[in-house]
PDB file of all heavy atoms in Angstrom:
ATOM      1  N   HIS A   1      -5.853 -20.064  -2.359  1.00  0.00           N
ATOM      2  CA  HIS A   1      -6.925 -20.942  -1.879  1.00  0.00           C
ATOM      3  C   HIS A   1      -7.125 -20.822  -0.371  1.00  0.00           C
ATOM      4  O   HIS A   1      -8.273 -20.839   0.107  1.00  0.00           O
ATOM      5  CB  HIS A   1      -6.600 -22.389  -2.250  1.00  0.00           C
ATOM      6  CG  HIS A   1      -6.813 -22.712  -3.700  1.00  0.00           C
ATOM      7  ND1 HIS A   1      -8.048 -23.007  -4.227  1.00  0.00           N
ATOM      8  CD2 HIS A   1      -5.944 -22.790  -4.739  1.00  0.00           C
ATOM      9  CE1 HIS A   1      -7.940 -23.253  -5.527  1.00  0.00           C
ATOM     10  NE2 HIS A   1      -6.667 -23.135  -5.860  1.00  0.00           N
ATOM     11  N   LEU A   2      -6.032 -20.705   0.385  1.00  0.00           N
ATOM     12  CA  LEU A   2      -6.156 -20.600   1.834  1.00  0.00           C
ATOM     13  C   LEU A   2      -6.845 -19.301   2.239  1.00  0.00           C
ATOM     14  O   LEU A   2      -7.735 -19.303   3.105  1.00  0.00           O
ATOM     15  CB  LEU A   2      -4.777 -20.685   2.487  1.00  0.00           C
ATOM     16  CG  LEU A   2      -4.771 -20.554   4.012  1.00  0.00           C
ATOM     17  CD1 LEU A   2      -5.541 -21.695   4.658  1.00  0.00           C
ATOM     18  CD2 LEU A   2      -3.350 -20.488   4.551  1.00  0.00           C
ATOM     19  N   ALA A   3      -6.451 -18.182   1.635  1.00  0.00           N
ATOM     20  CA  ALA A   3      -7.089 -16.899   1.955  1.00  0.00           C
ATOM     21  C   ALA A   3      -8.582 -16.946   1.661  1.00  0.00           C
ATOM     22  O   ALA A   3      -9.402 -16.408   2.420  1.00  0.00           O
ATOM     23  CB  ALA A   3      -6.418 -15.772   1.171  1.00  0.00           C
ATOM     24  N   GLU A   4      -8.954 -17.588   0.551  1.00  0.00           N
ATOM     25  CA  GLU A   4     -10.368 -17.731   0.203  1.00  0.00           C
ATOM     26  C   GLU A   4     -11.124 -18.496   1.294  1.00  0.00           C
ATOM     27  O   GLU A   4     -12.212 -18.089   1.700  1.00  0.00           O
ATOM     28  CB  GLU A   4     -10.492 -18.479  -1.129  1.00  0.00           C
ATOM     29  CG  GLU A   4     -10.069 -17.679  -2.341  1.00  0.00           C
ATOM     30  CD  GLU A   4     -11.256 -16.956  -2.961  1.00  0.00           C
ATOM     31  OE1 GLU A   4     -11.919 -17.517  -3.830  1.00  0.00           O
ATOM     32  OE2 GLU A   4     -11.512 -15.811  -2.545  1.00  0.00           O
ATOM     33  N   ARG A   5     -10.550 -19.599   1.759  1.00  0.00           N
ATOM     34  CA  ARG A   5     -11.220 -20.406   2.784  1.00  0.00           C
ATOM     35  C   ARG A   5     -11.303 -19.667   4.108  1.00  0.00           C
ATOM     36  O   ARG A   5     -12.340 -19.720   4.798  1.00  0.00           O
ATOM     37  CB  ARG A   5     -10.485 -21.737   2.961  1.00  0.00           C
ATOM     38  CG  ARG A   5     -10.702 -22.752   1.846  1.00  0.00           C
ATOM     39  CD  ARG A   5     -12.093 -23.403   1.911  1.00  0.00           C
ATOM     40  NE  ARG A   5     -12.332 -24.052   3.203  1.00  0.00           N
ATOM     41  CZ  ARG A   5     -11.936 -25.286   3.509  1.00  0.00           C
ATOM     42  NH1 ARG A   5     -11.266 -26.020   2.605  1.00  0.00           N
ATOM     43  NH2 ARG A   5     -12.213 -25.808   4.693  1.00  0.00           N
ATOM     44  N   LEU A   6     -10.244 -18.984   4.499  1.00  0.00           N
ATOM     45  CA  LEU A   6     -10.268 -18.241   5.756  1.00  0.00           C
ATOM     46  C   LEU A   6     -11.326 -17.138   5.725  1.00  0.00           C
ATOM     47  O   LEU A   6     -12.107 -16.980   6.671  1.00  0.00           O
ATOM     48  CB  LEU A   6      -8.886 -17.638   6.031  1.00  0.00           C
ATOM     49  CG  LEU A   6      -7.791 -18.609   6.475  1.00  0.00           C
ATOM     50  CD1 LEU A   6      -6.423 -17.931   6.377  1.00  0.00           C
ATOM     51  CD2 LEU A   6      -8.030 -19.083   7.912  1.00  0.00           C
ATOM     52  N   ALA A   7     -11.344 -16.367   4.634  1.00  0.00           N
ATOM     53  CA  ALA A   7     -12.341 -15.309   4.508  1.00  0.00           C
ATOM     54  C   ALA A   7     -13.742 -15.898   4.452  1.00  0.00           C
ATOM     55  O   ALA A   7     -14.687 -15.342   5.035  1.00  0.00           O
ATOM     56  CB  ALA A   7     -12.056 -14.471   3.262  1.00  0.00           C
ATOM     57  N   GLY A   8     -13.880 -17.042   3.781  1.00  0.00           N
ATOM     58  CA  GLY A   8     -15.184 -17.669   3.649  1.00  0.00           C
ATOM     59  C   GLY A   8     -15.765 -18.153   4.961  1.00  0.00           C
ATOM     60  O   GLY A   8     -16.990 -18.239   5.116  1.00  0.00           O
ATOM     61  N   ARG A   9     -14.908 -18.459   5.930  1.00  0.00           N
ATOM     62  CA  ARG A   9     -15.422 -18.924   7.221  1.00  0.00           C
ATOM     63  C   ARG A   9     -15.561 -17.776   8.229  1.00  0.00           C
ATOM     64  O   ARG A   9     -15.918 -17.998   9.377  1.00  0.00           O
ATOM     65  CB  ARG A   9     -14.531 -20.026   7.778  1.00  0.00           C
ATOM     66  CG  ARG A   9     -13.208 -19.574   8.337  1.00  0.00           C
ATOM     67  CD  ARG A   9     -12.413 -20.729   8.920  1.00  0.00           C
ATOM     68  NE  ARG A   9     -11.288 -20.249   9.717  1.00  0.00           N
ATOM     69  CZ  ARG A   9     -10.473 -21.040  10.409  1.00  0.00           C
ATOM     70  NH1 ARG A   9     -10.660 -22.346  10.383  1.00  0.00           N
ATOM     71  NH2 ARG A   9      -9.480 -20.542  11.116  1.00  0.00           N
ATOM     72  N   GLY A  10     -15.241 -16.550   7.791  1.00  0.00           N
ATOM     73  CA  GLY A  10     -15.488 -15.387   8.634  1.00  0.00           C
ATOM     74  C   GLY A  10     -14.283 -14.779   9.304  1.00  0.00           C
ATOM     75  O   GLY A  10     -14.412 -13.823  10.076  1.00  0.00           O
ATOM     76  N   ASP A  11     -13.089 -15.274   9.023  1.00  0.00           N
ATOM     77  CA  ASP A  11     -11.890 -14.658   9.584  1.00  0.00           C
ATOM     78  C   ASP A  11     -11.567 -13.360   8.849  1.00  0.00           C
ATOM     79  O   ASP A  11     -11.906 -13.196   7.673  1.00  0.00           O
ATOM     80  CB  ASP A  11     -10.685 -15.604   9.454  1.00  0.00           C
ATOM     81  CG  ASP A  11     -10.783 -16.795  10.394  1.00  0.00           C
ATOM     82  OD1 ASP A  11     -11.222 -16.610  11.532  1.00  0.00           O
ATOM     83  OD2 ASP A  11     -10.438 -17.909   9.974  1.00  0.00           O
ATOM     84  N   GLU A  12     -10.904 -12.444   9.547  1.00  0.00           N
ATOM     85  CA  GLU A  12     -10.372 -11.250   8.900  1.00  0.00           C
ATOM     86  C   GLU A  12      -9.011 -11.619   8.326  1.00  0.00           C
ATOM     87  O   GLU A  12      -8.149 -12.123   9.050  1.00  0.00           O
ATOM     88  CB  GLU A  12     -10.239 -10.106   9.898  1.00  0.00           C
ATOM     89  CG  GLU A  12      -9.771  -8.808   9.262  1.00  0.00           C
ATOM     90  CD  GLU A  12      -9.660  -7.672  10.261  1.00  0.00           C
ATOM     91  OE1 GLU A  12     -10.065  -7.844  11.431  1.00  0.00           O
ATOM     92  OE2 GLU A  12      -9.145  -6.597   9.872  1.00  0.00           O
ATOM     93  N   VAL A  13      -8.810 -11.374   7.036  1.00  0.00           N
ATOM     94  CA  VAL A  13      -7.615 -11.846   6.346  1.00  0.00           C
ATOM     95  C   VAL A  13      -6.904 -10.683   5.673  1.00  0.00           C
ATOM     96  O   VAL A  13      -7.535  -9.863   5.003  1.00  0.00           O
ATOM     97  CB  VAL A  13      -7.971 -12.905   5.280  1.00  0.00           C
ATOM     98  CG1 VAL A  13      -6.707 -13.414   4.581  1.00  0.00           C
ATOM     99  CG2 VAL A  13      -8.737 -14.069   5.900  1.00  0.00           C
ATOM    100  N   VAL A  14      -5.582 -10.639   5.869  1.00  0.00           N
ATOM    101  CA  VAL A  14      -4.729  -9.754   5.084  1.00  0.00           C
ATOM    102  C   VAL A  14      -3.832 -10.658   4.238  1.00  0.00           C
ATOM    103  O   VAL A  14      -3.090 -11.478   4.777  1.00  0.00           O
ATOM    104  CB  VAL A  14      -3.878  -8.824   5.960  1.00  0.00           C
ATOM    105  CG1 VAL A  14      -2.881  -8.038   5.092  1.00  0.00           C
ATOM    106  CG2 VAL A  14      -4.767  -7.865   6.737  1.00  0.00           C
ATOM    107  N   GLY A  15      -3.952 -10.526   2.926  1.00  0.00           N
ATOM    108  CA  GLY A  15      -3.102 -11.274   2.019  1.00  0.00           C
ATOM    109  C   GLY A  15      -1.932 -10.416   1.567  1.00  0.00           C
ATOM    110  O   GLY A  15      -2.100  -9.222   1.337  1.00  0.00           O
ATOM    111  N   LEU A  16      -0.760 -11.008   1.460  1.00  0.00           N
ATOM    112  CA  LEU A  16       0.445 -10.273   1.084  1.00  0.00           C
ATOM    113  C   LEU A  16       1.169 -11.033  -0.015  1.00  0.00           C
ATOM    114  O   LEU A  16       1.266 -12.259   0.031  1.00  0.00           O
ATOM    115  CB  LEU A  16       1.342 -10.095   2.311  1.00  0.00           C
ATOM    116  CG  LEU A  16       2.685  -9.384   2.167  1.00  0.00           C
ATOM    117  CD1 LEU A  16       3.102  -8.749   3.490  1.00  0.00           C
ATOM    118  CD2 LEU A  16       3.805 -10.338   1.694  1.00  0.00           C
ATOM    119  N   ASP A  17       1.695 -10.295  -0.997  1.00  0.00           N
ATOM    120  CA  ASP A  17       2.480 -10.919  -2.058  1.00  0.00           C
ATOM    121  C   ASP A  17       3.290  -9.825  -2.741  1.00  0.00           C
ATOM    122  O   ASP A  17       2.831  -8.678  -2.809  1.00  0.00           O
ATOM    123  CB  ASP A  17       1.562 -11.606  -3.075  1.00  0.00           C
ATOM    124  CG  ASP A  17       2.271 -12.725  -3.840  1.00  0.00           C
ATOM    125  OD1 ASP A  17       3.154 -12.413  -4.661  1.00  0.00           O
ATOM    126  OD2 ASP A  17       1.915 -13.904  -3.629  1.00  0.00           O
ATOM    127  N   ASN A  18       4.475 -10.182  -3.265  1.00  0.00           N
ATOM    128  CA  ASN A  18       5.249  -9.175  -4.005  1.00  0.00           C
ATOM    129  C   ASN A  18       5.018  -9.252  -5.512  1.00  0.00           C
ATOM    130  O   ASN A  18       5.565  -8.442  -6.272  1.00  0.00           O
ATOM    131  CB  ASN A  18       6.745  -9.291  -3.686  1.00  0.00           C
ATOM    132  CG  ASN A  18       7.385 -10.558  -4.242  1.00  0.00           C
ATOM    133  OD1 ASN A  18       6.705 -11.433  -4.781  1.00  0.00           O
ATOM    134  ND2 ASN A  18       8.698 -10.654  -4.105  1.00  0.00           N
ATOM    135  N   LEU A  19       4.216 -10.239  -5.948  1.00  0.00           N
ATOM    136  CA  LEU A  19       3.850 -10.379  -7.362  1.00  0.00           C
ATOM    137  C   LEU A  19       5.079 -10.435  -8.269  1.00  0.00           C
ATOM    138  O   LEU A  19       5.121  -9.796  -9.321  1.00  0.00           O
ATOM    139  CB  LEU A  19       2.913  -9.239  -7.797  1.00  0.00           C
ATOM    140  CG  LEU A  19       1.564  -9.172  -7.078  1.00  0.00           C
ATOM    141  CD1 LEU A  19       0.787  -7.943  -7.520  1.00  0.00           C
ATOM    142  CD2 LEU A  19       0.743 -10.439  -7.336  1.00  0.00           C
ATOM    143  N   ASN A  20       6.082 -11.221  -7.866  1.00  0.00           N
ATOM    144  CA  ASN A  20       7.288 -11.318  -8.698  1.00  0.00           C
ATOM    145  C   ASN A  20       6.998 -12.104  -9.976  1.00  0.00           C
ATOM    146  O   ASN A  20       5.940 -12.735 -10.123  1.00  0.00           O
ATOM    147  CB  ASN A  20       8.458 -11.915  -7.914  1.00  0.00           C
ATOM    148  CG  ASN A  20       8.263 -13.379  -7.572  1.00  0.00           C
ATOM    149  OD1 ASN A  20       7.682 -14.143  -8.326  1.00  0.00           O
ATOM    150  ND2 ASN A  20       8.753 -13.790  -6.411  1.00  0.00           N
ATOM    151  N   ASP A  21       7.939 -12.074 -10.898  1.00  0.00           N
ATOM    152  CA  ASP A  21       7.715 -12.670 -12.211  1.00  0.00           C
ATOM    153  C   ASP A  21       8.394 -14.022 -12.370  1.00  0.00           C
ATOM    154  O   ASP A  21       8.761 -14.415 -13.477  1.00  0.00           O
ATOM    155  CB  ASP A  21       8.182 -11.713 -13.314  1.00  0.00           C
ATOM    156  CG  ASP A  21       9.678 -11.397 -13.229  1.00  0.00           C
ATOM    157  OD1 ASP A  21      10.346 -11.886 -12.282  1.00  0.00           O
ATOM    158  OD2 ASP A  21      10.178 -10.662 -14.099  1.00  0.00           O
ATOM    159  N   TYR A  22       8.541 -14.782 -11.283  1.00  0.00           N
ATOM    160  CA  TYR A  22       9.084 -16.142 -11.393  1.00  0.00           C
ATOM    161  C   TYR A  22       8.260 -16.962 -12.395  1.00  0.00           C
ATOM    162  O   TYR A  22       8.798 -17.758 -13.149  1.00  0.00           O
ATOM    163  CB  TYR A  22       9.106 -16.806 -10.020  1.00  0.00           C
ATOM    164  CG  TYR A  22       9.384 -18.288 -10.056  1.00  0.00           C
ATOM    165  CD1 TYR A  22      10.604 -18.777 -10.516  1.00  0.00           C
ATOM    166  CD2 TYR A  22       8.423 -19.208  -9.638  1.00  0.00           C
ATOM    167  CE1 TYR A  22      10.864 -20.137 -10.555  1.00  0.00           C
ATOM    168  CE2 TYR A  22       8.671 -20.569  -9.670  1.00  0.00           C
ATOM    169  CZ  TYR A  22       9.890 -21.030 -10.136  1.00  0.00           C
ATOM    170  OH  TYR A  22      10.133 -22.377 -10.176  1.00  0.00           O
ATOM    171  N   TYR A  23       6.948 -16.772 -12.359  1.00  0.00           N
ATOM    172  CA  TYR A  23       6.101 -17.280 -13.435  1.00  0.00           C
ATOM    173  C   TYR A  23       5.072 -16.220 -13.791  1.00  0.00           C
ATOM    174  O   TYR A  23       5.027 -15.155 -13.163  1.00  0.00           O
ATOM    175  CB  TYR A  23       5.452 -18.632 -13.096  1.00  0.00           C
ATOM    176  CG  TYR A  23       4.546 -18.662 -11.880  1.00  0.00           C
ATOM    177  CD1 TYR A  23       3.242 -18.159 -11.935  1.00  0.00           C
ATOM    178  CD2 TYR A  23       4.968 -19.228 -10.678  1.00  0.00           C
ATOM    179  CE1 TYR A  23       2.398 -18.211 -10.837  1.00  0.00           C
ATOM    180  CE2 TYR A  23       4.137 -19.290  -9.582  1.00  0.00           C
ATOM    181  CZ  TYR A  23       2.846 -18.779  -9.669  1.00  0.00           C
ATOM    182  OH  TYR A  23       2.026 -18.833  -8.569  1.00  0.00           O
ATOM    183  N   ASP A  24       4.268 -16.478 -14.799  1.00  0.00           N
ATOM    184  CA  ASP A  24       3.356 -15.516 -15.406  1.00  0.00           C
ATOM    185  C   ASP A  24       2.553 -14.724 -14.367  1.00  0.00           C
ATOM    186  O   ASP A  24       1.720 -15.287 -13.645  1.00  0.00           O
ATOM    187  CB  ASP A  24       2.397 -16.260 -16.344  1.00  0.00           C
ATOM    188  CG  ASP A  24       1.580 -15.320 -17.213  1.00  0.00           C
ATOM    189  OD1 ASP A  24       1.653 -14.095 -17.023  1.00  0.00           O
ATOM    190  OD2 ASP A  24       0.852 -15.838 -18.100  1.00  0.00           O
ATOM    191  N   VAL A  25       2.814 -13.427 -14.289  1.00  0.00           N
ATOM    192  CA  VAL A  25       2.129 -12.570 -13.324  1.00  0.00           C
ATOM    193  C   VAL A  25       0.633 -12.510 -13.620  1.00  0.00           C
ATOM    194  O   VAL A  25      -0.181 -12.297 -12.719  1.00  0.00           O
ATOM    195  CB  VAL A  25       2.752 -11.160 -13.320  1.00  0.00           C
ATOM    196  CG1 VAL A  25       1.975 -10.220 -12.402  1.00  0.00           C
ATOM    197  CG2 VAL A  25       4.212 -11.227 -12.873  1.00  0.00           C
ATOM    198  N   ARG A  26       0.256 -12.711 -14.871  1.00  0.00           N
ATOM    199  CA  ARG A  26      -1.172 -12.679 -15.213  1.00  0.00           C
ATOM    200  C   ARG A  26      -1.956 -13.742 -14.459  1.00  0.00           C
ATOM    201  O   ARG A  26      -3.125 -13.527 -14.104  1.00  0.00           O
ATOM    202  CB  ARG A  26      -1.354 -12.852 -16.719  1.00  0.00           C
ATOM    203  CG  ARG A  26      -0.875 -11.674 -17.556  1.00  0.00           C
ATOM    204  CD  ARG A  26      -0.952 -11.981 -19.036  1.00  0.00           C
ATOM    205  NE  ARG A  26      -0.081 -13.117 -19.381  1.00  0.00           N
ATOM    206  CZ  ARG A  26      -0.012 -13.637 -20.598  1.00  0.00           C
ATOM    207  NH1 ARG A  26      -0.756 -13.149 -21.579  1.00  0.00           N
ATOM    208  NH2 ARG A  26       0.811 -14.648 -20.836  1.00  0.00           N
ATOM    209  N   LEU A  27      -1.325 -14.886 -14.200  1.00  0.00           N
ATOM    210  CA  LEU A  27      -1.993 -15.928 -13.423  1.00  0.00           C
ATOM    211  C   LEU A  27      -2.174 -15.474 -11.974  1.00  0.00           C
ATOM    212  O   LEU A  27      -3.233 -15.682 -11.370  1.00  0.00           O
ATOM    213  CB  LEU A  27      -1.192 -17.223 -13.485  1.00  0.00           C
ATOM    214  CG  LEU A  27      -1.738 -18.412 -12.690  1.00  0.00           C
ATOM    215  CD1 LEU A  27      -3.164 -18.741 -13.088  1.00  0.00           C
ATOM    216  CD2 LEU A  27      -0.836 -19.633 -12.872  1.00  0.00           C
ATOM    217  N   LYS A  28      -1.154 -14.843 -11.420  1.00  0.00           N
ATOM    218  CA  LYS A  28      -1.263 -14.337 -10.050  1.00  0.00           C
ATOM    219  C   LYS A  28      -2.352 -13.276  -9.953  1.00  0.00           C
ATOM    220  O   LYS A  28      -3.158 -13.266  -9.010  1.00  0.00           O
ATOM    221  CB  LYS A  28       0.082 -13.773  -9.593  1.00  0.00           C
ATOM    222  CG  LYS A  28       1.201 -14.809  -9.558  1.00  0.00           C
ATOM    223  CD  LYS A  28       2.518 -14.208  -9.103  1.00  0.00           C
ATOM    224  CE  LYS A  28       3.624 -15.253  -9.084  1.00  0.00           C
ATOM    225  NZ  LYS A  28       4.908 -14.731  -8.588  1.00  0.00           N
ATOM    226  N   LEU A  29      -2.387 -12.371 -10.920  1.00  0.00           N
ATOM    227  CA  LEU A  29      -3.423 -11.338 -10.923  1.00  0.00           C
ATOM    228  C   LEU A  29      -4.801 -11.950 -11.145  1.00  0.00           C
ATOM    229  O   LEU A  29      -5.803 -11.468 -10.591  1.00  0.00           O
ATOM    230  CB  LEU A  29      -3.121 -10.300 -12.000  1.00  0.00           C
ATOM    231  CG  LEU A  29      -1.855  -9.462 -11.783  1.00  0.00           C
ATOM    232  CD1 LEU A  29      -1.606  -8.546 -12.976  1.00  0.00           C
ATOM    233  CD2 LEU A  29      -1.964  -8.637 -10.498  1.00  0.00           C
ATOM    234  N   GLY A  30      -4.865 -13.022 -11.925  1.00  0.00           N
ATOM    235  CA  GLY A  30      -6.129 -13.716 -12.122  1.00  0.00           C
ATOM    236  C   GLY A  30      -6.661 -14.297 -10.824  1.00  0.00           C
ATOM    237  O   GLY A  30      -7.871 -14.267 -10.555  1.00  0.00           O
ATOM    238  N   ARG A  31      -5.766 -14.839 -10.007  1.00  0.00           N
ATOM    239  CA  ARG A  31      -6.185 -15.352  -8.695  1.00  0.00           C
ATOM    240  C   ARG A  31      -6.745 -14.233  -7.833  1.00  0.00           C
ATOM    241  O   ARG A  31      -7.773 -14.385  -7.169  1.00  0.00           O
ATOM    242  CB  ARG A  31      -4.999 -16.024  -8.000  1.00  0.00           C
ATOM    243  CG  ARG A  31      -4.472 -17.289  -8.669  1.00  0.00           C
ATOM    244  CD  ARG A  31      -3.226 -17.784  -7.965  1.00  0.00           C
ATOM    245  NE  ARG A  31      -2.633 -18.964  -8.591  1.00  0.00           N
ATOM    246  CZ  ARG A  31      -1.344 -19.126  -8.791  1.00  0.00           C
ATOM    247  NH1 ARG A  31      -0.484 -18.173  -8.421  1.00  0.00           N
ATOM    248  NH2 ARG A  31      -0.877 -20.224  -9.363  1.00  0.00           N
ATOM    249  N   LEU A  32      -6.041 -13.091  -7.821  1.00  0.00           N
ATOM    250  CA  LEU A  32      -6.502 -11.964  -7.005  1.00  0.00           C
ATOM    251  C   LEU A  32      -7.849 -11.444  -7.500  1.00  0.00           C
ATOM    252  O   LEU A  32      -8.724 -11.098  -6.693  1.00  0.00           O
ATOM    253  CB  LEU A  32      -5.462 -10.847  -7.012  1.00  0.00           C
ATOM    254  CG  LEU A  32      -4.111 -11.194  -6.360  1.00  0.00           C
ATOM    255  CD1 LEU A  32      -3.157 -10.005  -6.456  1.00  0.00           C
ATOM    256  CD2 LEU A  32      -4.293 -11.602  -4.898  1.00  0.00           C
TER     257      LEU A  32
END
């Protein structure tokens, strides 16, 4: 949500994540 808001207001954003499987990775990929 934060990356979406930053990009939406015109900031240059680099998002980083290791996509670990602590919970369903499909949800993380769905967000991306």
